[in-house]
């Protein structure tokens, strides 16, 4: 059975079913009809139309996985680049080389004996310890000092276009130290790069091959940044095989080998 809607007349307070006007005072019920229509068509509380919520969800859709990955990769790349720059600019500590005041006298005596032996036609070996080798380098390398440039060992000649001259390379080197252990040699070089001192450490093995001095790198650092093995091998190969350096790395015919043995530099003569 249908339920009748009862309304109260606002004019006289008479209650009756919803009709056009009040039966007691004759006031029209148009206001009550509009109110009843709104109440009948109003949605239930907390009801959310599914169609209306779909566009809002689509607008709030999260970025794609590829976009997120690109953002993460970009920040990781910047972080790695900054870390590499910091490591390169941070100088590695120089190795401790013991100072020996008698190393110079021993070096002169050994070089004199080495020069006299070939005249007698006798095969012999020249052995230099760490102190003697560093003394030899200090007296024969032109190093850049604070406040001035060094004098090159050989006369400067016009270099190939785009390449530094020997004088420029020598004048940029500020310090060289050599250490030896077992069959490996480690060189520490401090050089000036556009007003900034950078350090380079190379460790490897020396030997003579087909009359030329060769170096097999084992490890290396530019500043405090370890260099990959592939990078070391590629750089050393270009340096030793370049036409400009190959002639300088040719050893005299009377020398059969140059290597490190038991922590000493051994030069074997035929």
Foldseek 3Di string as FASTA:
>chain_A
DDDFDWDADPPPRDIDGDDQADPPPGHGCPVVVVVVVCVVPDDDPPDDDPVVVVVVVVVVDDDDPVVVVVVVVVVVVVVVVVVVVVQLLAADDDDDDDADPCLVVVLVVLVVVVVVVVVVVDWDKGKHFQNNVQVVCVVQAFEADPPGFTDHNDDWDDDPPPDDISRVVRRFWHDWGWWFAAFKIKIWTWGADPNGTKIKIWMFKWKADPQFIATQTDWMDNRNHTDDNVVVVVVRCCQCPPPVCVVVRGDPPQWHIWTAHRGIIMTIGD
